[in-house]
Amino acid sequence: VVASAVAAGEAFWPMPLPRHLRANLDSPFADLRNAAVGNRAGGM
């Protein structure tokens, strides 16, 4: 995607998906929760 964006003249920047942030989605009531309320770190 990044290489295609450069060729197309658009600005896209590669971002990581760190494993440790996955814990923000843990829920005691379901497989996942949709957001980590009160924690804005690494929201994207």
PDB file of all heavy atoms in Angstrom:
ATOM      1  N   VAL A   1       0.836  -1.202   0.000  1.00  0.00           N
ATOM      2  CA  VAL A   1       0.000   0.000   0.000  1.00  0.00           C
ATOM      3  C   VAL A   1       0.869   1.248   0.000  1.00  0.00           C
ATOM      4  O   VAL A   1       0.618   2.205  -0.756  1.00  0.00           O
ATOM      5  CB  VAL A   1      -0.952   0.002   1.218  1.00  0.00           C
ATOM      6  CG1 VAL A   1      -1.670   1.344   1.339  1.00  0.00           C
ATOM      7  CG2 VAL A   1      -1.963  -1.135   1.109  1.00  0.00           C
ATOM      8  N   VAL A   2       1.899   1.266   0.829  1.00  0.00           N
ATOM      9  CA  VAL A   2       2.773   2.438   0.905  1.00  0.00           C
ATOM     10  C   VAL A   2       3.452   2.689  -0.441  1.00  0.00           C
ATOM     11  O   VAL A   2       3.500   3.830  -0.925  1.00  0.00           O
ATOM     12  CB  VAL A   2       3.821   2.251   2.014  1.00  0.00           C
ATOM     13  CG1 VAL A   2       4.864   3.369   1.966  1.00  0.00           C
ATOM     14  CG2 VAL A   2       3.149   2.221   3.380  1.00  0.00           C
ATOM     15  N   ALA A   3       3.960   1.633  -1.077  1.00  0.00           N
ATOM     16  CA  ALA A   3       4.612   1.793  -2.376  1.00  0.00           C
ATOM     17  C   ALA A   3       3.626   2.285  -3.427  1.00  0.00           C
ATOM     18  O   ALA A   3       3.964   3.137  -4.269  1.00  0.00           O
ATOM     19  CB  ALA A   3       5.233   0.464  -2.811  1.00  0.00           C
ATOM     20  N   SER A   4       2.401   1.777  -3.386  1.00  0.00           N
ATOM     21  CA  SER A   4       1.381   2.223  -4.332  1.00  0.00           C
ATOM     22  C   SER A   4       1.019   3.683  -4.091  1.00  0.00           C
ATOM     23  O   SER A   4       0.784   4.442  -5.041  1.00  0.00           O
ATOM     24  CB  SER A   4       0.133   1.344  -4.210  1.00  0.00           C
ATOM     25  OG  SER A   4       0.428  -0.005  -4.525  1.00  0.00           O
ATOM     26  N   ALA A   5       0.974   4.084  -2.826  1.00  0.00           N
ATOM     27  CA  ALA A   5       0.664   5.477  -2.497  1.00  0.00           C
ATOM     28  C   ALA A   5       1.739   6.416  -3.012  1.00  0.00           C
ATOM     29  O   ALA A   5       1.448   7.493  -3.559  1.00  0.00           O
ATOM     30  CB  ALA A   5       0.496   5.634  -0.990  1.00  0.00           C
ATOM     31  N   VAL A   6       2.998   6.042  -2.853  1.00  0.00           N
ATOM     32  CA  VAL A   6       4.087   6.881  -3.359  1.00  0.00           C
ATOM     33  C   VAL A   6       3.965   7.040  -4.869  1.00  0.00           C
ATOM     34  O   VAL A   6       4.089   8.139  -5.414  1.00  0.00           O
ATOM     35  CB  VAL A   6       5.454   6.277  -2.978  1.00  0.00           C
ATOM     36  CG1 VAL A   6       6.588   7.012  -3.694  1.00  0.00           C
ATOM     37  CG2 VAL A   6       5.662   6.339  -1.468  1.00  0.00           C
ATOM     38  N   ALA A   7       3.680   5.939  -5.563  1.00  0.00           N
ATOM     39  CA  ALA A   7       3.536   5.996  -7.018  1.00  0.00           C
ATOM     40  C   ALA A   7       2.336   6.836  -7.427  1.00  0.00           C
ATOM     41  O   ALA A   7       2.345   7.477  -8.483  1.00  0.00           O
ATOM     42  CB  ALA A   7       3.410   4.587  -7.586  1.00  0.00           C
ATOM     43  N   ALA A   8       1.301   6.837  -6.590  1.00  0.00           N
ATOM     44  CA  ALA A   8       0.078   7.578  -6.902  1.00  0.00           C
ATOM     45  C   ALA A   8       0.115   9.018  -6.419  1.00  0.00           C
ATOM     46  O   ALA A   8      -0.809   9.787  -6.701  1.00  0.00           O
ATOM     47  CB  ALA A   8      -1.129   6.863  -6.277  1.00  0.00           C
ATOM     48  N   GLY A   9       1.150   9.381  -5.688  1.00  0.00           N
ATOM     49  CA  GLY A   9       1.260  10.748  -5.196  1.00  0.00           C
ATOM     50  C   GLY A   9       0.439  11.027  -3.954  1.00  0.00           C
ATOM     51  O   GLY A   9       0.128  12.186  -3.661  1.00  0.00           O
ATOM     52  N   GLU A  10       0.074   9.981  -3.200  1.00  0.00           N
ATOM     53  CA  GLU A  10      -0.672  10.176  -1.951  1.00  0.00           C
ATOM     54  C   GLU A  10       0.229   9.857  -0.764  1.00  0.00           C
ATOM     55  O   GLU A  10       1.271   9.207  -0.909  1.00  0.00           O
ATOM     56  CB  GLU A  10      -1.927   9.306  -1.936  1.00  0.00           C
ATOM     57  CG  GLU A  10      -2.945   9.739  -2.977  1.00  0.00           C
ATOM     58  CD  GLU A  10      -4.311   9.094  -2.793  1.00  0.00           C
ATOM     59  OE1 GLU A  10      -4.382   7.889  -2.450  1.00  0.00           O
ATOM     60  OE2 GLU A  10      -5.313   9.799  -2.992  1.00  0.00           O
ATOM     61  N   ALA A  11      -0.180  10.317   0.414  1.00  0.00           N
ATOM     62  CA  ALA A  11       0.651  10.194   1.609  1.00  0.00           C
ATOM     63  C   ALA A  11       0.069   9.164   2.572  1.00  0.00           C
ATOM     64  O   ALA A  11      -0.921   9.427   3.255  1.00  0.00           O
ATOM     65  CB  ALA A  11       0.772  11.549   2.303  1.00  0.00           C
ATOM     66  N   PHE A  12       0.682   7.985   2.613  1.00  0.00           N
ATOM     67  CA  PHE A  12       0.332   6.948   3.588  1.00  0.00           C
ATOM     68  C   PHE A  12       1.593   6.552   4.335  1.00  0.00           C
ATOM     69  O   PHE A  12       2.668   6.428   3.740  1.00  0.00           O
ATOM     70  CB  PHE A  12      -0.239   5.711   2.875  1.00  0.00           C
ATOM     71  CG  PHE A  12      -1.702   5.829   2.518  1.00  0.00           C
ATOM     72  CD1 PHE A  12      -2.085   6.508   1.379  1.00  0.00           C
ATOM     73  CD2 PHE A  12      -2.671   5.271   3.334  1.00  0.00           C
ATOM     74  CE1 PHE A  12      -3.418   6.630   1.042  1.00  0.00           C
ATOM     75  CE2 PHE A  12      -4.010   5.391   3.005  1.00  0.00           C
ATOM     76  CZ  PHE A  12      -4.395   6.067   1.860  1.00  0.00           C
ATOM     77  N   TRP A  13       1.441   6.364   5.651  1.00  0.00           N
ATOM     78  CA  TRP A  13       2.604   6.038   6.473  1.00  0.00           C
ATOM     79  C   TRP A  13       2.352   4.699   7.178  1.00  0.00           C
ATOM     80  O   TRP A  13       1.281   4.489   7.751  1.00  0.00           O
ATOM     81  CB  TRP A  13       2.855   7.134   7.497  1.00  0.00           C
ATOM     82  CG  TRP A  13       4.226   7.065   8.095  1.00  0.00           C
ATOM     83  CD1 TRP A  13       4.569   6.665   9.349  1.00  0.00           C
ATOM     84  CD2 TRP A  13       5.452   7.401   7.427  1.00  0.00           C
ATOM     85  NE1 TRP A  13       5.935   6.742   9.516  1.00  0.00           N
ATOM     86  CE2 TRP A  13       6.502   7.190   8.349  1.00  0.00           C
ATOM     87  CE3 TRP A  13       5.770   7.855   6.144  1.00  0.00           C
ATOM     88  CZ2 TRP A  13       7.846   7.411   8.027  1.00  0.00           C
ATOM     89  CZ3 TRP A  13       7.107   8.076   5.817  1.00  0.00           C
ATOM     90  CH2 TRP A  13       8.121   7.856   6.766  1.00  0.00           C
ATOM     91  N   PRO A  14       3.339   3.780   7.145  1.00  0.00           N
ATOM     92  CA  PRO A  14       3.146   2.464   7.775  1.00  0.00           C
ATOM     93  C   PRO A  14       3.159   2.562   9.295  1.00  0.00           C
ATOM     94  O   PRO A  14       4.023   3.218   9.876  1.00  0.00           O
ATOM     95  CB  PRO A  14       4.337   1.659   7.254  1.00  0.00           C
ATOM     96  CG  PRO A  14       5.393   2.685   6.963  1.00  0.00           C
ATOM     97  CD  PRO A  14       4.658   3.914   6.509  1.00  0.00           C
ATOM     98  N   MET A  15       2.189   1.900   9.913  1.00  0.00           N
ATOM     99  CA  MET A  15       2.067   1.899  11.372  1.00  0.00           C
ATOM    100  C   MET A  15       2.095   0.453  11.880  1.00  0.00           C
ATOM    101  O   MET A  15       1.650  -0.463  11.188  1.00  0.00           O
ATOM    102  CB  MET A  15       0.755   2.572  11.798  1.00  0.00           C
ATOM    103  CG  MET A  15       0.598   4.004  11.312  1.00  0.00           C
ATOM    104  SD  MET A  15       1.836   5.146  11.960  1.00  0.00           S
ATOM    105  CE  MET A  15       1.394   5.201  13.702  1.00  0.00           C
ATOM    106  N   PRO A  16       2.583   0.241  13.102  1.00  0.00           N
ATOM    107  CA  PRO A  16       2.675  -1.118  13.643  1.00  0.00           C
ATOM    108  C   PRO A  16       1.390  -1.548  14.340  1.00  0.00           C
ATOM    109  O   PRO A  16       0.503  -0.730  14.614  1.00  0.00           O
ATOM    110  CB  PRO A  16       3.809  -0.991  14.658  1.00  0.00           C
ATOM    111  CG  PRO A  16       3.622   0.410  15.194  1.00  0.00           C
ATOM    112  CD  PRO A  16       3.167   1.237  14.007  1.00  0.00           C
ATOM    113  N   LEU A  17       1.299  -2.821  14.626  1.00  0.00           N
ATOM    114  CA  LEU A  17       0.210  -3.355  15.451  1.00  0.00           C
ATOM    115  C   LEU A  17       0.850  -4.154  16.601  1.00  0.00           C
ATOM    116  O   LEU A  17       0.923  -5.379  16.571  1.00  0.00           O
ATOM    117  CB  LEU A  17      -0.714  -4.259  14.615  1.00  0.00           C
ATOM    118  CG  LEU A  17      -1.558  -3.542  13.559  1.00  0.00           C
ATOM    119  CD1 LEU A  17      -2.344  -4.548  12.722  1.00  0.00           C
ATOM    120  CD2 LEU A  17      -2.515  -2.548  14.213  1.00  0.00           C
ATOM    121  N   PRO A  18       1.312  -3.453  17.643  1.00  0.00           N
ATOM    122  CA  PRO A  18       2.043  -4.116  18.731  1.00  0.00           C
ATOM    123  C   PRO A  18       1.180  -5.128  19.486  1.00  0.00           C
ATOM    124  O   PRO A  18       0.025  -4.858  19.829  1.00  0.00           O
ATOM    125  CB  PRO A  18       2.441  -2.952  19.648  1.00  0.00           C
ATOM    126  CG  PRO A  18       2.347  -1.732  18.781  1.00  0.00           C
ATOM    127  CD  PRO A  18       1.229  -2.000  17.836  1.00  0.00           C
ATOM    128  N   ARG A  19       1.747  -6.283  19.769  1.00  0.00           N
ATOM    129  CA  ARG A  19       0.998  -7.347  20.453  1.00  0.00           C
ATOM    130  C   ARG A  19       0.492  -6.906  21.832  1.00  0.00           C
ATOM    131  O   ARG A  19      -0.597  -7.268  22.246  1.00  0.00           O
ATOM    132  CB  ARG A  19       1.889  -8.583  20.618  1.00  0.00           C
ATOM    133  CG  ARG A  19       2.150  -9.333  19.331  1.00  0.00           C
ATOM    134  CD  ARG A  19       2.920 -10.614  19.638  1.00  0.00           C
ATOM    135  NE  ARG A  19       3.222 -11.360  18.431  1.00  0.00           N
ATOM    136  CZ  ARG A  19       3.840 -12.541  18.436  1.00  0.00           C
ATOM    137  NH1 ARG A  19       4.256 -13.070  19.590  1.00  0.00           N
ATOM    138  NH2 ARG A  19       4.085 -13.166  17.303  1.00  0.00           N
ATOM    139  N   HIS A  20       1.303  -6.111  22.523  1.00  0.00           N
ATOM    140  CA  HIS A  20       0.922  -5.791  23.899  1.00  0.00           C
ATOM    141  C   HIS A  20      -0.350  -4.937  23.969  1.00  0.00           C
ATOM    142  O   HIS A  20      -1.046  -4.932  24.986  1.00  0.00           O
ATOM    143  CB  HIS A  20       2.070  -5.097  24.635  1.00  0.00           C
ATOM    144  CG  HIS A  20       2.333  -3.696  24.181  1.00  0.00           C
ATOM    145  ND1 HIS A  20       3.141  -3.383  23.105  1.00  0.00           N
ATOM    146  CD2 HIS A  20       1.886  -2.499  24.659  1.00  0.00           C
ATOM    147  CE1 HIS A  20       3.195  -2.089  22.940  1.00  0.00           C
ATOM    148  NE2 HIS A  20       2.434  -1.509  23.859  1.00  0.00           N
ATOM    149  N   LEU A  21      -0.669  -4.223  22.886  1.00  0.00           N
ATOM    150  CA  LEU A  21      -1.874  -3.396  22.902  1.00  0.00           C
ATOM    151  C   LEU A  21      -3.146  -4.228  22.765  1.00  0.00           C
ATOM    152  O   LEU A  21      -4.238  -3.720  23.043  1.00  0.00           O
ATOM    153  CB  LEU A  21      -1.816  -2.356  21.772  1.00  0.00           C
ATOM    154  CG  LEU A  21      -0.807  -1.210  21.935  1.00  0.00           C
ATOM    155  CD1 LEU A  21      -0.844  -0.296  20.724  1.00  0.00           C
ATOM    156  CD2 LEU A  21      -1.097  -0.417  23.208  1.00  0.00           C
ATOM    157  N   ARG A  22      -3.002  -5.474  22.347  1.00  0.00           N
ATOM    158  CA  ARG A  22      -4.185  -6.341  22.206  1.00  0.00           C
ATOM    159  C   ARG A  22      -4.926  -6.502  23.531  1.00  0.00           C
ATOM    160  O   ARG A  22      -6.163  -6.666  23.550  1.00  0.00           O
ATOM    161  CB  ARG A  22      -3.760  -7.699  21.647  1.00  0.00           C
ATOM    162  CG  ARG A  22      -4.822  -8.788  21.620  1.00  0.00           C
ATOM    163  CD  ARG A  22      -6.031  -8.395  20.793  1.00  0.00           C
ATOM    164  NE  ARG A  22      -7.030  -9.458  20.786  1.00  0.00           N
ATOM    165  CZ  ARG A  22      -7.894  -9.706  21.760  1.00  0.00           C
ATOM    166  NH1 ARG A  22      -7.873  -8.943  22.876  1.00  0.00           N
ATOM    167  NH2 ARG A  22      -8.774 -10.685  21.670  1.00  0.00           N
ATOM    168  N   ALA A  23      -4.231  -6.388  24.633  1.00  0.00           N
ATOM    169  CA  ALA A  23      -4.877  -6.534  25.947  1.00  0.00           C
ATOM    170  C   ALA A  23      -5.925  -5.456  26.190  1.00  0.00           C
ATOM    171  O   ALA A  23      -6.840  -5.644  27.006  1.00  0.00           O
ATOM    172  CB  ALA A  23      -3.816  -6.493  27.058  1.00  0.00           C
ATOM    173  N   ASN A  24      -5.835  -4.339  25.487  1.00  0.00           N
ATOM    174  CA  ASN A  24      -6.830  -3.279  25.626  1.00  0.00           C
ATOM    175  C   ASN A  24      -8.220  -3.709  25.164  1.00  0.00           C
ATOM    176  O   ASN A  24      -9.210  -3.036  25.466  1.00  0.00           O
ATOM    177  CB  ASN A  24      -6.400  -2.049  24.814  1.00  0.00           C
ATOM    178  CG  ASN A  24      -5.256  -1.295  25.459  1.00  0.00           C
ATOM    179  OD1 ASN A  24      -5.291  -0.966  26.639  1.00  0.00           O
ATOM    180  ND2 ASN A  24      -4.220  -1.027  24.689  1.00  0.00           N
ATOM    181  N   LEU A  25      -8.288  -4.786  24.412  1.00  0.00           N
ATOM    182  CA  LEU A  25      -9.563  -5.256  23.882  1.00  0.00           C
ATOM    183  C   LEU A  25     -10.153  -6.405  24.691  1.00  0.00           C
ATOM    184  O   LEU A  25     -11.213  -6.919  24.349  1.00  0.00           O
ATOM    185  CB  LEU A  25      -9.384  -5.700  22.414  1.00  0.00           C
ATOM    186  CG  LEU A  25      -8.924  -4.610  21.445  1.00  0.00           C
ATOM    187  CD1 LEU A  25      -8.619  -5.204  20.078  1.00  0.00           C
ATOM    188  CD2 LEU A  25      -9.978  -3.520  21.322  1.00  0.00           C
ATOM    189  N   ASP A  26      -9.476  -6.808  25.759  1.00  0.00           N
ATOM    190  CA  ASP A  26      -9.997  -7.901  26.591  1.00  0.00           C
ATOM    191  C   ASP A  26     -11.261  -7.466  27.324  1.00  0.00           C
ATOM    192  O   ASP A  26     -11.359  -6.328  27.808  1.00  0.00           O
ATOM    193  CB  ASP A  26      -8.948  -8.345  27.615  1.00  0.00           C
ATOM    194  CG  ASP A  26      -7.779  -9.076  26.963  1.00  0.00           C
ATOM    195  OD1 ASP A  26      -7.931  -9.524  25.811  1.00  0.00           O
ATOM    196  OD2 ASP A  26      -6.715  -9.179  27.612  1.00  0.00           O
ATOM    197  N   SER A  27     -12.228  -8.370  27.405  1.00  0.00           N
ATOM    198  CA  SER A  27     -13.495  -8.087  28.094  1.00  0.00           C
ATOM    199  C   SER A  27     -13.868  -9.263  28.978  1.00  0.00           C
ATOM    200  O   SER A  27     -13.724 -10.417  28.574  1.00  0.00           O
ATOM    201  CB  SER A  27     -14.611  -7.850  27.066  1.00  0.00           C
ATOM    202  OG  SER A  27     -15.884  -7.884  27.686  1.00  0.00           O
ATOM    203  N   PRO A  28     -14.383  -9.003  30.189  1.00  0.00           N
ATOM    204  CA  PRO A  28     -14.847 -10.107  31.038  1.00  0.00           C
ATOM    205  C   PRO A  28     -16.212 -10.637  30.613  1.00  0.00           C
ATOM    206  O   PRO A  28     -16.664 -11.657  31.149  1.00  0.00           O
ATOM    207  CB  PRO A  28     -14.912  -9.462  32.432  1.00  0.00           C
ATOM    208  CG  PRO A  28     -15.167  -8.024  32.173  1.00  0.00           C
ATOM    209  CD  PRO A  28     -14.445  -7.706  30.892  1.00  0.00           C
ATOM    210  N   PHE A  29     -16.853  -9.977  29.658  1.00  0.00           N
ATOM    211  CA  PHE A  29     -18.226 -10.332  29.303  1.00  0.00           C
ATOM    212  C   PHE A  29     -18.396 -10.826  27.862  1.00  0.00           C
ATOM    213  O   PHE A  29     -19.481 -11.271  27.477  1.00  0.00           O
ATOM    214  CB  PHE A  29     -19.147  -9.124  29.506  1.00  0.00           C
ATOM    215  CG  PHE A  29     -19.041  -8.526  30.878  1.00  0.00           C
ATOM    216  CD1 PHE A  29     -18.430  -7.307  31.077  1.00  0.00           C
ATOM    217  CD2 PHE A  29     -19.522  -9.207  32.001  1.00  0.00           C
ATOM    218  CE1 PHE A  29     -18.323  -6.757  32.340  1.00  0.00           C
ATOM    219  CE2 PHE A  29     -19.413  -8.667  33.266  1.00  0.00           C
ATOM    220  CZ  PHE A  29     -18.808  -7.435  33.450  1.00  0.00           C
ATOM    221  N   ALA A  30     -17.345 -10.734  27.049  1.00  0.00           N
ATOM    222  CA  ALA A  30     -17.445 -11.118  25.647  1.00  0.00           C
ATOM    223  C   ALA A  30     -16.047 -11.456  25.131  1.00  0.00           C
ATOM    224  O   ALA A  30     -15.054 -11.345  25.853  1.00  0.00           O
ATOM    225  CB  ALA A  30     -18.045  -9.967  24.833  1.00  0.00           C
ATOM    226  N   ASP A  31     -15.995 -11.879  23.864  1.00  0.00           N
ATOM    227  CA  ASP A  31     -14.693 -12.183  23.271  1.00  0.00           C
ATOM    228  C   ASP A  31     -13.814 -10.941  23.189  1.00  0.00           C
ATOM    229  O   ASP A  31     -12.590 -11.034  23.326  1.00  0.00           O
ATOM    230  CB  ASP A  31     -14.889 -12.752  21.854  1.00  0.00           C
ATOM    231  CG  ASP A  31     -15.574 -14.106  21.844  1.00  0.00           C
ATOM    232  OD1 ASP A  31     -15.255 -14.940  22.702  1.00  0.00           O
ATOM    233  OD2 ASP A  31     -16.440 -14.327  20.971  1.00  0.00           O
ATOM    234  N   LEU A  32     -14.442  -9.810  22.939  1.00  0.00           N
ATOM    235  CA  LEU A  32     -13.722  -8.545  22.772  1.00  0.00           C
ATOM    236  C   LEU A  32     -14.555  -7.415  23.333  1.00  0.00           C
ATOM    237  O   LEU A  32     -15.766  -7.561  23.520  1.00  0.00           O
ATOM    238  CB  LEU A  32     -13.487  -8.239  21.282  1.00  0.00           C
ATOM    239  CG  LEU A  32     -12.679  -9.187  20.404  1.00  0.00           C
ATOM    240  CD1 LEU A  32     -12.905  -8.826  18.935  1.00  0.00           C
ATOM    241  CD2 LEU A  32     -11.209  -9.082  20.757  1.00  0.00           C
ATOM    242  N   ARG A  33     -13.929  -6.275  23.571  1.00  0.00           N
ATOM    243  CA  ARG A  33     -14.675  -5.033  23.734  1.00  0.00           C
ATOM    244  C   ARG A  33     -14.279  -4.108  22.592  1.00  0.00           C
ATOM    245  O   ARG A  33     -13.199  -4.259  22.010  1.00  0.00           O
ATOM    246  CB  ARG A  33     -14.406  -4.388  25.087  1.00  0.00           C
ATOM    247  CG  ARG A  33     -12.965  -4.049  25.387  1.00  0.00           C
ATOM    248  CD  ARG A  33     -12.849  -3.416  26.769  1.00  0.00           C
ATOM    249  NE  ARG A  33     -11.455  -3.118  27.130  1.00  0.00           N
ATOM    250  CZ  ARG A  33     -11.103  -2.555  28.272  1.00  0.00           C
ATOM    251  NH1 ARG A  33     -12.031  -2.202  29.158  1.00  0.00           N
ATOM    252  NH2 ARG A  33      -9.835  -2.324  28.547  1.00  0.00           N
ATOM    253  N   ASN A  34     -15.132  -3.186  22.258  1.00  0.00           N
ATOM    254  CA  ASN A  34     -14.859  -2.405  21.052  1.00  0.00           C
ATOM    255  C   ASN A  34     -13.924  -1.217  21.291  1.00  0.00           C
ATOM    256  O   ASN A  34     -13.414  -0.653  20.329  1.00  0.00           O
ATOM    257  CB  ASN A  34     -16.156  -1.938  20.385  1.00  0.00           C
ATOM    258  CG  ASN A  34     -16.830  -0.791  21.126  1.00  0.00           C
ATOM    259  OD1 ASN A  34     -16.811  -0.730  22.363  1.00  0.00           O
ATOM    260  ND2 ASN A  34     -17.451   0.118  20.384  1.00  0.00           N
ATOM    261  N   ALA A  35     -13.685  -0.851  22.528  1.00  0.00           N
ATOM    262  CA  ALA A  35     -12.785   0.264  22.799  1.00  0.00           C
ATOM    263  C   ALA A  35     -12.295   0.189  24.238  1.00  0.00           C
ATOM    264  O   ALA A  35     -12.975  -0.351  25.117  1.00  0.00           O
ATOM    265  CB  ALA A  35     -13.483   1.605  22.556  1.00  0.00           C
ATOM    266  N   ALA A  36     -11.105   0.757  24.439  1.00  0.00           N
ATOM    267  CA  ALA A  36     -10.542   0.824  25.791  1.00  0.00           C
ATOM    268  C   ALA A  36     -10.918   2.172  26.388  1.00  0.00           C
ATOM    269  O   ALA A  36     -10.257   3.181  26.139  1.00  0.00           O
ATOM    270  CB  ALA A  36      -9.034   0.644  25.742  1.00  0.00           C
ATOM    271  N   VAL A  37     -11.993   2.211  27.160  1.00  0.00           N
ATOM    272  CA  VAL A  37     -12.481   3.469  27.728  1.00  0.00           C
ATOM    273  C   VAL A  37     -11.473   3.996  28.754  1.00  0.00           C
ATOM    274  O   VAL A  37     -11.000   3.267  29.619  1.00  0.00           O
ATOM    275  CB  VAL A  37     -13.861   3.260  28.384  1.00  0.00           C
ATOM    276  CG1 VAL A  37     -14.328   4.546  29.060  1.00  0.00           C
ATOM    277  CG2 VAL A  37     -14.874   2.817  27.335  1.00  0.00           C
ATOM    278  N   GLY A  38     -11.150   5.280  28.626  1.00  0.00           N
ATOM    279  CA  GLY A  38     -10.230   5.905  29.568  1.00  0.00           C
ATOM    280  C   GLY A  38      -8.767   5.728  29.219  1.00  0.00           C
ATOM    281  O   GLY A  38      -7.899   6.236  29.924  1.00  0.00           O
ATOM    282  N   ASN A  39      -8.486   5.029  28.129  1.00  0.00           N
ATOM    283  CA  ASN A  39      -7.099   4.821  27.731  1.00  0.00           C
ATOM    284  C   ASN A  39      -6.966   5.207  26.253  1.00  0.00           C
ATOM    285  O   ASN A  39      -7.428   4.491  25.365  1.00  0.00           O
ATOM    286  CB  ASN A  39      -6.688   3.363  27.937  1.00  0.00           C
ATOM    287  CG  ASN A  39      -5.223   3.122  27.598  1.00  0.00           C
ATOM    288  OD1 ASN A  39      -4.520   4.024  27.146  1.00  0.00           O
ATOM    289  ND2 ASN A  39      -4.763   1.905  27.829  1.00  0.00           N
ATOM    290  N   ARG A  40      -6.342   6.352  25.992  1.00  0.00           N
ATOM    291  CA  ARG A  40      -6.240   6.859  24.626  1.00  0.00           C
ATOM    292  C   ARG A  40      -4.934   6.454  23.953  1.00  0.00           C
ATOM    293  O   ARG A  40      -4.709   6.776  22.786  1.00  0.00           O
ATOM    294  CB  ARG A  40      -6.367   8.380  24.624  1.00  0.00           C
ATOM    295  CG  ARG A  40      -7.666   8.882  25.214  1.00  0.00           C
ATOM    296  CD  ARG A  40      -7.685  10.399  25.323  1.00  0.00           C
ATOM    297  NE  ARG A  40      -7.586  11.033  24.013  1.00  0.00           N
ATOM    298  CZ  ARG A  40      -7.440  12.348  23.838  1.00  0.00           C
ATOM    299  NH1 ARG A  40      -7.349  13.151  24.889  1.00  0.00           N
ATOM    300  NH2 ARG A  40      -7.361  12.855  22.629  1.00  0.00           N
ATOM    301  N   ALA A  41      -4.079   5.750  24.673  1.00  0.00           N
ATOM    302  CA  ALA A  41      -2.763   5.408  24.124  1.00  0.00           C
ATOM    303  C   ALA A  41      -2.902   4.483  22.914  1.00  0.00           C
ATOM    304  O   ALA A  41      -3.550   3.438  22.984  1.00  0.00           O
ATOM    305  CB  ALA A  41      -1.903   4.751  25.208  1.00  0.00           C
ATOM    306  N   GLY A  42      -2.288   4.874  21.807  1.00  0.00           N
ATOM    307  CA  GLY A  42      -2.284   4.029  20.616  1.00  0.00           C
ATOM    308  C   GLY A  42      -3.666   3.755  20.060  1.00  0.00           C
ATOM    309  O   GLY A  42      -3.914   2.657  19.542  1.00  0.00           O
ATOM    310  N   GLY A  43      -4.560   4.748  20.134  1.00  0.00           N
ATOM    311  CA  GLY A  43      -5.942   4.510  19.725  1.00  0.00           C
ATOM    312  C   GLY A  43      -6.094   4.032  18.290  1.00  0.00           C
ATOM    313  O   GLY A  43      -6.920   3.162  18.003  1.00  0.00           O
ATOM    314  N   MET A  44      -5.308   4.575  17.363  1.00  0.00           N
ATOM    315  CA  MET A  44      -5.377   4.123  15.970  1.00  0.00           C
ATOM    316  C   MET A  44      -4.951   2.664  15.854  1.00  0.00           C
ATOM    317  O   MET A  44      -5.541   1.884  15.096  1.00  0.00           O
ATOM    318  CB  MET A  44      -4.484   5.007  15.099  1.00  0.00           C
ATOM    319  CG  MET A  44      -4.312   4.521  13.678  1.00  0.00           C
ATOM    320  SD  MET A  44      -3.441   5.682  12.575  1.00  0.00           S
ATOM    321  CE  MET A  44      -1.954   6.042  13.500  1.00  0.00           C
TER     322      MET A  44
END
